[in-house]
Amino acid sequence: MTEILSKGVLRSTTVMFLFVWFAGIWMGGCETQEQKVEKLIKQLQDDVEIRHYAIWELVEIGKDAVPFLIQALQDAGEGKNGSVIRLSVVEVLVKIGKDAVPDLIQALQDADSGVCVNVTTALGWIGEGAQDTVPSLIQALQDQDAGVCQGVVEALENIDTPEALKAVEEYESRQ
């Protein structure tokens, strides 16, 4: 009798577990891509474990997440949280790689020099995959902000094309 009762309890528990599992999948599937990206970007402010989860999820989304990541970079603000968000966003953009480059080129025109420095960091870490940005980076060497120019120099050195290295050499000779 107890054996029949425990099989019934086990069966009921299994059915309940499967129901909850399927409901969770269905609920998660109701979220639009935009909502998912926005939720993940908010998680970039969280503790290290959640931040790493969010980074990998954003990398999986790929280039569809890039415009939202650029916006997060622009909205990050100052202080420790802003710094953590910017570094996390740059890390995601670098992992997305070449697919992020067109949006990064546009973000290089941002009026906020802090955004530009983070963009140059991302482009430098992308390296050879960011060769298309060399003309824009060379133009950015005209920026009045020394931090932006230093970031541009490092990005150009990492991209490592003859044109990029020549621009760095010319810039450094003027300094």
Foldseek 3Di string as FASTA:
>chain_A
DVVVVVVVVVVVVVVVVVVVVVVVVVVVVVDDPVRLLVVLLVQLLPDPVSVVVSLVVLLVVALVSLVVLLVCLVVLDDDDSSVSSLVSSLVSLLSSALSNQVVLLVQCPDPDLSSVLSSLQSLLSSALSNPVNQVSLLVQCPDPDPSNVVSSLSNLVRNDDPSSVVSNVVSVVVD
